[in-house]
């Protein structure tokens, strides 16, 4: 269960970052309204108008943000439920290594030149 929530969390976070990066900022409209079009006379309607795609992107980013927070809280809940070791005496015993004896080499063999 923890792995599934972690995978959903990662996908939602990547989608949220991508969606925020493709959104058109409100500051860009304000700059275009004040500087462009001969002193900003004709572009002033773009400052607060035309919310067609922005509402879809805003709603989608809000939904993804809610999913991100819910998955973050769920992951934090599961992280707090793990069995914590409070003392060194509670550690499981380490497996003992078996010592394998080295094969004996015959002492009567001549040394190599």
PDB file of N, CA and C in Angstrom:
ATOM      1  N   UNK A   1       0.827  -1.194   0.000  1.00  0.00           N
ATOM      2  CA  UNK A   1       0.000   0.000   0.000  1.00  0.00           C
ATOM      3  C   UNK A   1       0.875   1.263   0.000  1.00  0.00           C
ATOM      4  N   UNK A   2       1.948   1.205   0.786  1.00  0.00           N
ATOM      5  CA  UNK A   2       2.857   2.348   0.876  1.00  0.00           C
ATOM      6  C   UNK A   2       3.487   2.636  -0.485  1.00  0.00           C
ATOM      7  N   UNK A   3       3.844   1.604  -1.225  1.00  0.00           N
ATOM      8  CA  UNK A   3       4.478   1.784  -2.533  1.00  0.00           C
ATOM      9  C   UNK A   3       3.521   2.399  -3.533  1.00  0.00           C
ATOM     10  N   UNK A   4       2.268   1.997  -3.492  1.00  0.00           N
ATOM     11  CA  UNK A   4       1.267   2.540  -4.424  1.00  0.00           C
ATOM     12  C   UNK A   4       1.051   4.026  -4.151  1.00  0.00           C
ATOM     13  N   UNK A   5       0.930   4.375  -2.877  1.00  0.00           N
ATOM     14  CA  UNK A   5       0.717   5.788  -2.532  1.00  0.00           C
ATOM     15  C   UNK A   5       1.946   6.617  -2.900  1.00  0.00           C
ATOM     16  N   UNK A   6       3.135   6.047  -2.706  1.00  0.00           N
ATOM     17  CA  UNK A   6       4.349   6.763  -3.087  1.00  0.00           C
ATOM     18  C   UNK A   6       4.418   6.979  -4.595  1.00  0.00           C
ATOM     19  N   UNK A   7       4.016   5.981  -5.384  1.00  0.00           N
ATOM     20  CA  UNK A   7       4.011   6.133  -6.842  1.00  0.00           C
ATOM     21  C   UNK A   7       2.987   7.183  -7.277  1.00  0.00           C
ATOM     22  N   UNK A   8       1.808   7.177  -6.663  1.00  0.00           N
ATOM     23  CA  UNK A   8       0.790   8.182  -6.982  1.00  0.00           C
ATOM     24  C   UNK A   8       1.297   9.568  -6.601  1.00  0.00           C
ATOM     25  N   UNK A   9       1.958   9.672  -5.468  1.00  0.00           N
ATOM     26  CA  UNK A   9       2.501  10.950  -5.008  1.00  0.00           C
ATOM     27  C   UNK A   9       3.527  11.500  -6.004  1.00  0.00           C
ATOM     28  N   UNK A  10       4.381  10.642  -6.504  1.00  0.00           N
ATOM     29  CA  UNK A  10       5.398  11.085  -7.457  1.00  0.00           C
ATOM     30  C   UNK A  10       4.781  11.521  -8.775  1.00  0.00           C
ATOM     31  N   UNK A  11       3.798  10.772  -9.266  1.00  0.00           N
ATOM     32  CA  UNK A  11       3.139  11.140 -10.525  1.00  0.00           C
ATOM     33  C   UNK A  11       2.393  12.456 -10.373  1.00  0.00           C
ATOM     34  N   UNK A  12       1.684  12.615  -9.272  1.00  0.00           N
ATOM     35  CA  UNK A  12       0.932  13.850  -9.035  1.00  0.00           C
ATOM     36  C   UNK A  12       1.879  15.041  -8.923  1.00  0.00           C
ATOM     37  N   UNK A  13       3.016  14.856  -8.261  1.00  0.00           N
ATOM     38  CA  UNK A  13       3.945  15.977  -8.113  1.00  0.00           C
ATOM     39  C   UNK A  13       4.551  16.386  -9.449  1.00  0.00           C
ATOM     40  N   UNK A  14       4.869  15.426 -10.313  1.00  0.00           N
ATOM     41  CA  UNK A  14       5.409  15.762 -11.634  1.00  0.00           C
ATOM     42  C   UNK A  14       4.342  16.456 -12.480  1.00  0.00           C
ATOM     43  N   UNK A  15       3.113  15.959 -12.434  1.00  0.00           N
ATOM     44  CA  UNK A  15       2.025  16.597 -13.183  1.00  0.00           C
ATOM     45  C   UNK A  15       1.744  18.006 -12.674  1.00  0.00           C
ATOM     46  N   UNK A  16       1.810  18.188 -11.372  1.00  0.00           N
ATOM     47  CA  UNK A  16       1.558  19.505 -10.786  1.00  0.00           C
ATOM     48  C   UNK A  16       2.630  20.507 -11.197  1.00  0.00           C
ATOM     49  N   UNK A  17       3.875  20.089 -11.175  1.00  0.00           N
ATOM     50  CA  UNK A  17       4.957  20.989 -11.596  1.00  0.00           C
ATOM     51  C   UNK A  17       4.806  21.337 -13.071  1.00  0.00           C
ATOM     52  N   UNK A  18       4.527  20.352 -13.912  1.00  0.00           N
ATOM     53  CA  UNK A  18       4.346  20.608 -15.340  1.00  0.00           C
ATOM     54  C   UNK A  18       3.170  21.518 -15.617  1.00  0.00           C
ATOM     55  N   UNK A  19       2.072  21.315 -14.913  1.00  0.00           N
ATOM     56  CA  UNK A  19       0.882  22.136 -15.132  1.00  0.00           C
ATOM     57  C   UNK A  19       1.115  23.567 -14.685  1.00  0.00           C
ATOM     58  N   UNK A  20       1.826  23.754 -13.603  1.00  0.00           N
ATOM     59  CA  UNK A  20       2.116  25.110 -13.144  1.00  0.00           C
ATOM     60  C   UNK A  20       3.059  25.817 -14.118  1.00  0.00           C
ATOM     61  N   UNK A  21       3.998  25.074 -14.675  1.00  0.00           N
ATOM     62  CA  UNK A  21       4.940  25.697 -15.605  1.00  0.00           C
ATOM     63  C   UNK A  21       4.290  26.123 -16.921  1.00  0.00           C
ATOM     64  N   UNK A  22       3.228  25.445 -17.357  1.00  0.00           N
ATOM     65  CA  UNK A  22       2.602  25.834 -18.623  1.00  0.00           C
ATOM     66  C   UNK A  22       1.540  26.907 -18.454  1.00  0.00           C
ATOM     67  N   UNK A  23       1.195  27.242 -17.220  1.00  0.00           N
ATOM     68  CA  UNK A  23       0.178  28.268 -17.013  1.00  0.00           C
ATOM     69  C   UNK A  23       0.732  29.646 -17.338  1.00  0.00           C
ATOM     70  N   UNK A  24      -0.144  30.488 -17.790  1.00  0.00           N
ATOM     71  CA  UNK A  24       0.205  31.863 -18.138  1.00  0.00           C
ATOM     72  C   UNK A  24       0.015  32.718 -16.898  1.00  0.00           C
ATOM     73  N   UNK A  25       1.056  33.416 -16.496  1.00  0.00           N
ATOM     74  CA  UNK A  25       0.996  34.201 -15.272  1.00  0.00           C
ATOM     75  C   UNK A  25       0.165  35.460 -15.426  1.00  0.00           C
ATOM     76  N   UNK A  26      -0.396  35.929 -14.314  1.00  0.00           N
ATOM     77  CA  UNK A  26      -1.193  37.156 -14.340  1.00  0.00           C
ATOM     78  C   UNK A  26      -0.308  38.384 -14.539  1.00  0.00           C
ATOM     79  N   UNK A  27       0.933  38.316 -14.106  1.00  0.00           N
ATOM     80  CA  UNK A  27       1.847  39.428 -14.276  1.00  0.00           C
ATOM     81  C   UNK A  27       2.186  39.670 -15.732  1.00  0.00           C
ATOM     82  N   UNK A  28       2.176  38.622 -16.552  1.00  0.00           N
ATOM     83  CA  UNK A  28       2.464  38.779 -17.976  1.00  0.00           C
ATOM     84  C   UNK A  28       1.349  39.560 -18.659  1.00  0.00           C
ATOM     85  N   UNK A  29       0.112  39.344 -18.256  1.00  0.00           N
ATOM     86  CA  UNK A  29      -1.005  40.116 -18.820  1.00  0.00           C
ATOM     87  C   UNK A  29      -0.923  41.573 -18.400  1.00  0.00           C
ATOM     88  N   UNK A  30      -0.539  41.824 -17.180  1.00  0.00           N
ATOM     89  CA  UNK A  30      -0.447  43.198 -16.707  1.00  0.00           C
ATOM     90  C   UNK A  30       0.649  43.939 -17.440  1.00  0.00           C
ATOM     91  N   UNK A  31       1.764  43.282 -17.715  1.00  0.00           N
ATOM     92  CA  UNK A  31       2.840  43.913 -18.454  1.00  0.00           C
ATOM     93  C   UNK A  31       2.457  44.187 -19.887  1.00  0.00           C
ATOM     94  N   UNK A  32       1.723  43.280 -20.495  1.00  0.00           N
ATOM     95  CA  UNK A  32       1.289  43.482 -21.879  1.00  0.00           C
ATOM     96  C   UNK A  32       0.251  44.594 -21.961  1.00  0.00           C
ATOM     97  N   UNK A  33      -0.559  44.749 -20.929  1.00  0.00           N
ATOM     98  CA  UNK A  33      -1.601  45.780 -20.957  1.00  0.00           C
ATOM     99  C   UNK A  33      -1.005  47.168 -20.780  1.00  0.00           C
ATOM    100  N   UNK A  34       0.032  47.292 -19.974  1.00  0.00           N
ATOM    101  CA  UNK A  34       0.556  48.630 -19.711  1.00  0.00           C
ATOM    102  C   UNK A  34       1.584  49.067 -20.744  1.00  0.00           C
ATOM    103  N   UNK A  35       2.302  48.132 -21.362  1.00  0.00           N
ATOM    104  CA  UNK A  35       3.370  48.513 -22.269  1.00  0.00           C
ATOM    105  C   UNK A  35       3.014  48.370 -23.745  1.00  0.00           C
ATOM    106  N   UNK A  36       2.165  47.445 -24.080  1.00  0.00           N
ATOM    107  CA  UNK A  36       1.934  47.172 -25.496  1.00  0.00           C
ATOM    108  C   UNK A  36       0.756  47.938 -26.071  1.00  0.00           C
ATOM    109  N   UNK A  37       0.738  48.054 -27.386  1.00  0.00           N
ATOM    110  CA  UNK A  37      -0.409  48.623 -28.098  1.00  0.00           C
ATOM    111  C   UNK A  37      -0.518  50.119 -27.988  1.00  0.00           C
ATOM    112  N   UNK A  38       0.552  50.861 -28.120  1.00  0.00           N
ATOM    113  CA  UNK A  38       0.473  52.327 -28.122  1.00  0.00           C
ATOM    114  C   UNK A  38       0.053  52.905 -26.794  1.00  0.00           C
ATOM    115  N   UNK A  39       0.695  52.495 -25.733  1.00  0.00           N
ATOM    116  CA  UNK A  39       0.370  53.047 -24.423  1.00  0.00           C
ATOM    117  C   UNK A  39      -0.645  52.226 -23.666  1.00  0.00           C
ATOM    118  N   UNK A  40      -1.061  51.093 -24.195  1.00  0.00           N
ATOM    119  CA  UNK A  40      -1.953  50.205 -23.464  1.00  0.00           C
ATOM    120  C   UNK A  40      -3.418  50.502 -23.650  1.00  0.00           C
ATOM    121  N   UNK A  41      -3.790  51.290 -24.637  1.00  0.00           N
ATOM    122  CA  UNK A  41      -5.190  51.631 -24.820  1.00  0.00           C
ATOM    123  C   UNK A  41      -6.064  50.448 -25.186  1.00  0.00           C
ATOM    124  N   UNK A  42      -5.658  49.652 -26.169  1.00  0.00           N
ATOM    125  CA  UNK A  42      -6.490  48.538 -26.619  1.00  0.00           C
ATOM    126  C   UNK A  42      -6.273  47.268 -25.839  1.00  0.00           C
ATOM    127  N   UNK A  43      -5.169  47.149 -25.139  1.00  0.00           N
ATOM    128  CA  UNK A  43      -4.849  45.909 -24.442  1.00  0.00           C
ATOM    129  C   UNK A  43      -5.349  45.892 -23.004  1.00  0.00           C
ATOM    130  N   UNK A  44      -6.045  46.910 -22.554  1.00  0.00           N
ATOM    131  CA  UNK A  44      -6.475  46.936 -21.159  1.00  0.00           C
ATOM    132  C   UNK A  44      -7.546  45.904 -20.877  1.00  0.00           C
ATOM    133  N   UNK A  45      -8.266  45.444 -21.878  1.00  0.00           N
ATOM    134  CA  UNK A  45      -9.288  44.437 -21.651  1.00  0.00           C
ATOM    135  C   UNK A  45      -8.665  43.070 -21.369  1.00  0.00           C
ATOM    136  N   UNK A  46      -7.414  42.858 -21.809  1.00  0.00           N
ATOM    137  CA  UNK A  46      -6.778  41.569 -21.565  1.00  0.00           C
ATOM    138  C   UNK A  46      -6.282  41.428 -20.133  1.00  0.00           C
ATOM    139  N   UNK A  47      -6.287  42.514 -19.383  1.00  0.00           N
ATOM    140  CA  UNK A  47      -5.808  42.450 -18.013  1.00  0.00           C
ATOM    141  C   UNK A  47      -6.720  41.596 -17.136  1.00  0.00           C
ATOM    142  N   UNK A  48      -8.019  41.734 -17.266  1.00  0.00           N
ATOM    143  CA  UNK A  48      -8.953  40.964 -16.455  1.00  0.00           C
ATOM    144  C   UNK A  48      -9.904  40.113 -17.280  1.00  0.00           C
ATOM    145  N   UNK A  49      -9.712  40.052 -18.566  1.00  0.00           N
ATOM    146  CA  UNK A  49     -10.636  39.292 -19.406  1.00  0.00           C
ATOM    147  C   UNK A  49     -10.045  37.971 -19.854  1.00  0.00           C
ATOM    148  N   UNK A  50     -10.830  37.231 -20.639  1.00  0.00           N
ATOM    149  CA  UNK A  50     -10.408  36.004 -21.295  1.00  0.00           C
ATOM    150  C   UNK A  50      -9.892  34.957 -20.320  1.00  0.00           C
ATOM    151  N   UNK A  51     -10.805  34.361 -19.568  1.00  0.00           N
ATOM    152  CA  UNK A  51     -10.430  33.345 -18.581  1.00  0.00           C
ATOM    153  C   UNK A  51     -10.784  31.938 -19.052  1.00  0.00           C
ATOM    154  N   UNK A  52     -10.871  31.703 -20.343  1.00  0.00           N
ATOM    155  CA  UNK A  52     -11.304  30.408 -20.857  1.00  0.00           C
ATOM    156  C   UNK A  52     -10.408  29.256 -20.447  1.00  0.00           C
ATOM    157  N   UNK A  53      -9.165  29.272 -20.889  1.00  0.00           N
ATOM    158  CA  UNK A  53      -8.270  28.162 -20.563  1.00  0.00           C
ATOM    159  C   UNK A  53      -7.724  28.288 -19.150  1.00  0.00           C
ATOM    160  N   UNK A  54      -7.696  29.470 -18.608  1.00  0.00           N
ATOM    161  CA  UNK A  54      -7.155  29.652 -17.263  1.00  0.00           C
ATOM    162  C   UNK A  54      -8.023  28.963 -16.214  1.00  0.00           C
ATOM    163  N   UNK A  55      -9.323  28.956 -16.391  1.00  0.00           N
ATOM    164  CA  UNK A  55     -10.171  28.308 -15.390  1.00  0.00           C
ATOM    165  C   UNK A  55      -9.956  26.795 -15.404  1.00  0.00           C
ATOM    166  N   UNK A  56      -9.795  26.207 -16.587  1.00  0.00           N
ATOM    167  CA  UNK A  56      -9.531  24.767 -16.666  1.00  0.00           C
ATOM    168  C   UNK A  56      -8.192  24.432 -16.015  1.00  0.00           C
ATOM    169  N   UNK A  57      -7.167  25.215 -16.330  1.00  0.00           N
ATOM    170  CA  UNK A  57      -5.852  24.960 -15.754  1.00  0.00           C
ATOM    171  C   UNK A  57      -5.845  25.218 -14.248  1.00  0.00           C
ATOM    172  N   UNK A  58      -6.559  26.224 -13.807  1.00  0.00           N
ATOM    173  CA  UNK A  58      -6.627  26.520 -12.376  1.00  0.00           C
ATOM    174  C   UNK A  58      -7.348  25.413 -11.609  1.00  0.00           C
ATOM    175  N   UNK A  59      -8.442  24.933 -12.171  1.00  0.00           N
ATOM    176  CA  UNK A  59      -9.170  23.841 -11.509  1.00  0.00           C
ATOM    177  C   UNK A  59      -8.345  22.577 -11.471  1.00  0.00           C
ATOM    178  N   UNK A  60      -7.690  22.274 -12.578  1.00  0.00           N
ATOM    179  CA  UNK A  60      -6.875  21.065 -12.626  1.00  0.00           C
ATOM    180  C   UNK A  60      -5.705  21.156 -11.655  1.00  0.00           C
ATOM    181  N   UNK A  61      -5.077  22.317 -11.581  1.00  0.00           N
ATOM    182  CA  UNK A  61      -3.965  22.456 -10.633  1.00  0.00           C
ATOM    183  C   UNK A  61      -4.459  22.416  -9.186  1.00  0.00           C
ATOM    184  N   UNK A  62      -5.653  22.910  -8.926  1.00  0.00           N
ATOM    185  CA  UNK A  62      -6.214  22.829  -7.571  1.00  0.00           C
ATOM    186  C   UNK A  62      -6.506  21.380  -7.188  1.00  0.00           C
ATOM    187  N   UNK A  63      -7.035  20.610  -8.128  1.00  0.00           N
ATOM    188  CA  UNK A  63      -7.321  19.196  -7.862  1.00  0.00           C
ATOM    189  C   UNK A  63      -6.019  18.433  -7.625  1.00  0.00           C
ATOM    190  N   UNK A  64      -5.007  18.712  -8.453  1.00  0.00           N
ATOM    191  CA  UNK A  64      -3.717  18.043  -8.269  1.00  0.00           C
ATOM    192  C   UNK A  64      -3.063  18.463  -6.954  1.00  0.00           C
ATOM    193  N   UNK A  65      -3.233  19.715  -6.554  1.00  0.00           N
ATOM    194  CA  UNK A  65      -2.672  20.169  -5.282  1.00  0.00           C
ATOM    195  C   UNK A  65      -3.348  19.458  -4.107  1.00  0.00           C
ATOM    196  N   UNK A  66      -4.648  19.272  -4.189  1.00  0.00           N
ATOM    197  CA  UNK A  66      -5.369  18.549  -3.134  1.00  0.00           C
ATOM    198  C   UNK A  66      -4.893  17.102  -3.072  1.00  0.00           C
ATOM    199  N   UNK A  67      -4.738  16.452  -4.231  1.00  0.00           N
ATOM    200  CA  UNK A  67      -4.225  15.078  -4.259  1.00  0.00           C
ATOM    201  C   UNK A  67      -2.801  15.002  -3.697  1.00  0.00           C
ATOM    202  N   UNK A  68      -1.995  16.016  -3.986  1.00  0.00           N
ATOM    203  CA  UNK A  68      -0.633  16.060  -3.472  1.00  0.00           C
ATOM    204  C   UNK A  68      -0.630  16.148  -1.945  1.00  0.00           C
ATOM    205  N   UNK A  69      -1.460  17.017  -1.387  1.00  0.00           N
ATOM    206  CA  UNK A  69      -1.505  17.158   0.070  1.00  0.00           C
ATOM    207  C   UNK A  69      -2.059  15.905   0.735  1.00  0.00           C
ATOM    208  N   UNK A  70      -3.068  15.290   0.140  1.00  0.00           N
ATOM    209  CA  UNK A  70      -3.636  14.077   0.720  1.00  0.00           C
ATOM    210  C   UNK A  70      -2.609  12.945   0.692  1.00  0.00           C
ATOM    211  N   UNK A  71      -1.906  12.803  -0.427  1.00  0.00           N
ATOM    212  CA  UNK A  71      -0.906  11.738  -0.492  1.00  0.00           C
ATOM    213  C   UNK A  71       0.269  12.036   0.443  1.00  0.00           C
ATOM    214  N   UNK A  72       0.616  13.308   0.624  1.00  0.00           N
ATOM    215  CA  UNK A  72       1.684  13.664   1.563  1.00  0.00           C
ATOM    216  C   UNK A  72       1.290  13.305   2.995  1.00  0.00           C
ATOM    217  N   UNK A  73       0.069  13.637   3.365  1.00  0.00           N
ATOM    218  CA  UNK A  73      -0.396  13.310   4.715  1.00  0.00           C
ATOM    219  C   UNK A  73      -0.491  11.803   4.929  1.00  0.00           C
ATOM    220  N   UNK A  74      -0.909  11.076   3.904  1.00  0.00           N
ATOM    221  CA  UNK A  74      -0.997   9.622   4.014  1.00  0.00           C
ATOM    222  C   UNK A  74       0.378   9.001   4.166  1.00  0.00           C
ATOM    223  N   UNK A  75       1.339   9.493   3.389  1.00  0.00           N
ATOM    224  CA  UNK A  75       2.704   8.977   3.522  1.00  0.00           C
ATOM    225  C   UNK A  75       3.291   9.306   4.898  1.00  0.00           C
ATOM    226  N   UNK A  76       2.985  10.478   5.411  1.00  0.00           N
ATOM    227  CA  UNK A  76       3.463  10.843   6.746  1.00  0.00           C
ATOM    228  C   UNK A  76       2.819   9.956   7.807  1.00  0.00           C
ATOM    229  N   UNK A  77       1.557   9.625   7.631  1.00  0.00           N
ATOM    230  CA  UNK A  77       0.873   8.741   8.573  1.00  0.00           C
ATOM    231  C   UNK A  77       1.517   7.356   8.577  1.00  0.00           C
ATOM    232  N   UNK A  78       1.792   6.816   7.376  1.00  0.00           N
ATOM    233  CA  UNK A  78       2.414   5.499   7.306  1.00  0.00           C
ATOM    234  C   UNK A  78       3.846   5.520   7.844  1.00  0.00           C
ATOM    235  N   UNK A  79       4.547   6.625   7.681  1.00  0.00           N
ATOM    236  CA  UNK A  79       5.912   6.712   8.206  1.00  0.00           C
ATOM    237  C   UNK A  79       5.909   6.728   9.730  1.00  0.00           C
ATOM    238  N   UNK A  80       4.878   7.270  10.334  1.00  0.00           N
ATOM    239  CA  UNK A  80       4.793   7.305  11.784  1.00  0.00           C
ATOM    240  C   UNK A  80       4.367   5.994  12.401  1.00  0.00           C
ATOM    241  N   UNK A  81       3.790   5.088  11.613  1.00  0.00           N
ATOM    242  CA  UNK A  81       3.318   3.816  12.140  1.00  0.00           C
ATOM    243  C   UNK A  81       4.368   2.722  12.131  1.00  0.00           C
ATOM    244  N   UNK A  82       5.571   2.987  11.656  1.00  0.00           N
ATOM    245  CA  UNK A  82       6.580   1.943  11.604  1.00  0.00           C
ATOM    246  C   UNK A  82       7.030   1.571  13.008  1.00  0.00           C
ATOM    247  N   UNK A  83       7.464   0.356  13.167  1.00  0.00           N
ATOM    248  CA  UNK A  83       7.954  -0.105  14.463  1.00  0.00           C
ATOM    249  C   UNK A  83       9.321   0.512  14.700  1.00  0.00           C
ATOM    250  N   UNK A  84       9.401   1.286  15.737  1.00  0.00           N
ATOM    251  CA  UNK A  84      10.661   1.955  16.053  1.00  0.00           C
ATOM    252  C   UNK A  84      11.351   1.228  17.191  1.00  0.00           C
ATOM    253  N   UNK A  85      12.640   1.135  17.058  1.00  0.00           N
ATOM    254  CA  UNK A  85      13.441   0.486  18.084  1.00  0.00           C
ATOM    255  C   UNK A  85      13.908   1.561  19.052  1.00  0.00           C
ATOM    256  N   UNK A  86      13.548   1.403  20.315  1.00  0.00           N
ATOM    257  CA  UNK A  86      13.873   2.395  21.326  1.00  0.00           C
ATOM    258  C   UNK A  86      15.198   2.103  22.014  1.00  0.00           C
ATOM    259  N   UNK A  87      15.621   0.865  22.005  1.00  0.00           N
ATOM    260  CA  UNK A  87      16.815   0.497  22.751  1.00  0.00           C
ATOM    261  C   UNK A  87      17.674  -0.447  21.918  1.00  0.00           C
ATOM    262  N   UNK A  88      18.945  -0.505  22.248  1.00  0.00           N
ATOM    263  CA  UNK A  88      19.844  -1.406  21.546  1.00  0.00           C
ATOM    264  C   UNK A  88      19.506  -2.854  21.864  1.00  0.00           C
ATOM    265  N   UNK A  89      18.929  -3.097  23.031  1.00  0.00           N
ATOM    266  CA  UNK A  89      18.605  -4.467  23.411  1.00  0.00           C
ATOM    267  C   UNK A  89      17.432  -5.023  22.626  1.00  0.00           C
ATOM    268  N   UNK A  90      16.677  -4.155  21.943  1.00  0.00           N
ATOM    269  CA  UNK A  90      15.558  -4.614  21.142  1.00  0.00           C
ATOM    270  C   UNK A  90      15.968  -5.011  19.723  1.00  0.00           C
ATOM    271  N   UNK A  91      17.218  -4.758  19.359  1.00  0.00           N
ATOM    272  CA  UNK A  91      17.691  -5.108  18.032  1.00  0.00           C
ATOM    273  C   UNK A  91      17.688  -6.616  17.860  1.00  0.00           C
ATOM    274  N   UNK A  92      17.353  -7.093  16.673  1.00  0.00           N
ATOM    275  CA  UNK A  92      17.423  -8.542  16.462  1.00  0.00           C
ATOM    276  C   UNK A  92      18.880  -8.992  16.465  1.00  0.00           C
ATOM    277  N   UNK A  93      19.071 -10.218  16.904  1.00  0.00           N
ATOM    278  CA  UNK A  93      20.432 -10.749  17.002  1.00  0.00           C
ATOM    279  C   UNK A  93      21.004 -10.918  15.600  1.00  0.00           C
ATOM    280  N   UNK A  94      22.246 -10.511  15.453  1.00  0.00           N
ATOM    281  CA  UNK A  94      22.915 -10.647  14.158  1.00  0.00           C
ATOM    282  C   UNK A  94      23.255 -12.111  13.935  1.00  0.00           C
ATOM    283  N   UNK A  95      23.126 -12.569  12.704  1.00  0.00           N
ATOM    284  CA  UNK A  95      23.456 -13.978  12.449  1.00  0.00           C
ATOM    285  C   UNK A  95      24.959 -14.193  12.634  1.00  0.00           C
ATOM    286  N   UNK A  96      25.289 -15.304  13.278  1.00  0.00           N
ATOM    287  CA  UNK A  96      26.699 -15.602  13.505  1.00  0.00           C
ATOM    288  C   UNK A  96      27.277 -16.218  12.252  1.00  0.00           C
ATOM    289  N   UNK A  97      28.490 -15.820  11.947  1.00  0.00           N
ATOM    290  CA  UNK A  97      29.155 -16.368  10.767  1.00  0.00           C
ATOM    291  C   UNK A  97      29.828 -17.674  11.135  1.00  0.00           C
ATOM    292  N   UNK A  98      29.666 -18.657  10.283  1.00  0.00           N
ATOM    293  CA  UNK A  98      30.325 -19.927  10.501  1.00  0.00           C
ATOM    294  C   UNK A  98      31.711 -19.857   9.884  1.00  0.00           C
ATOM    295  N   UNK A  99      32.682 -20.206  10.670  1.00  0.00           N
ATOM    296  CA  UNK A  99      34.063 -20.175  10.197  1.00  0.00           C
ATOM    297  C   UNK A  99      34.345 -21.489   9.493  1.00  0.00           C
ATOM    298  N   UNK A 100      34.689 -21.375   8.224  1.00  0.00           N
ATOM    299  CA  UNK A 100      35.010 -22.565   7.441  1.00  0.00           C
ATOM    300  C   UNK A 100      36.514 -22.774   7.532  1.00  0.00           C
ATOM    301  N   UNK A 101      36.931 -23.959   7.968  1.00  0.00           N
ATOM    302  CA  UNK A 101      38.373 -24.188   8.088  1.00  0.00           C
ATOM    303  C   UNK A 101      39.044 -24.195   6.718  1.00  0.00           C
ATOM    304  N   UNK A 102      40.263 -23.679   6.698  1.00  0.00           N
ATOM    305  CA  UNK A 102      41.038 -23.615   5.479  1.00  0.00           C
ATOM    306  C   UNK A 102      41.590 -25.005   5.172  1.00  0.00           C
ATOM    307  N   UNK A 103      41.537 -25.417   3.909  1.00  0.00           N
ATOM    308  CA  UNK A 103      42.093 -26.750   3.627  1.00  0.00           C
ATOM    309  C   UNK A 103      43.607 -26.765   3.887  1.00  0.00           C
ATOM    310  N   UNK A 104      44.024 -27.818   4.489  1.00  0.00           N
ATOM    311  CA  UNK A 104      45.443 -27.942   4.833  1.00  0.00           C
ATOM    312  C   UNK A 104      46.249 -28.257   3.588  1.00  0.00           C
ATOM    313  N   UNK A 105      47.384 -27.621   3.466  1.00  0.00           N
ATOM    314  CA  UNK A 105      48.281 -27.898   2.341  1.00  0.00           C
ATOM    315  C   UNK A 105      49.371 -28.854   2.817  1.00  0.00           C
ATOM    316  N   UNK A 106      49.730 -29.782   1.986  1.00  0.00           N
ATOM    317  CA  UNK A 106      50.778 -30.728   2.399  1.00  0.00           C
ATOM    318  C   UNK A 106      52.101 -30.005   2.558  1.00  0.00           C
ATOM    319  N   UNK A 107      52.824 -30.359   3.604  1.00  0.00           N
ATOM    320  CA  UNK A 107      54.087 -29.694   3.898  1.00  0.00           C
ATOM    321  C   UNK A 107      55.262 -30.311   3.136  1.00  0.00           C
ATOM    322  N   UNK A 108      55.063 -31.502   2.543  1.00  0.00           N
ATOM    323  CA  UNK A 108      56.177 -32.169   1.899  1.00  0.00           C
ATOM    324  C   UNK A 108      56.318 -31.811   0.422  1.00  0.00           C
ATOM    325  N   UNK A 109      55.536 -30.891  -0.103  1.00  0.00           N
ATOM    326  CA  UNK A 109      55.676 -30.489  -1.497  1.00  0.00           C
ATOM    327  C   UNK A 109      56.857 -29.546  -1.647  1.00  0.00           C
ATOM    328  N   UNK A 110      57.629 -29.711  -2.719  1.00  0.00           N
ATOM    329  CA  UNK A 110      58.767 -28.816  -2.920  1.00  0.00           C
ATOM    330  C   UNK A 110      58.279 -27.428  -3.344  1.00  0.00           C
ATOM    331  N   UNK A 111      59.073 -26.410  -3.053  1.00  0.00           N
ATOM    332  CA  UNK A 111      58.721 -25.056  -3.449  1.00  0.00           C
ATOM    333  C   UNK A 111      58.982 -24.876  -4.932  1.00  0.00           C
ATOM    334  N   UNK A 112      58.204 -24.029  -5.548  1.00  0.00           N
ATOM    335  CA  UNK A 112      58.373 -23.774  -6.966  1.00  0.00           C
ATOM    336  C   UNK A 112      59.556 -22.836  -7.172  1.00  0.00           C
ATOM    337  N   UNK A 113      60.347 -23.050  -8.292  1.00  0.00           N
ATOM    338  CA  UNK A 113      61.502 -22.184  -8.516  1.00  0.00           C
ATOM    339  C   UNK A 113      61.134 -20.774  -8.868  1.00  0.00           C
TER     340      UNK A 113
END
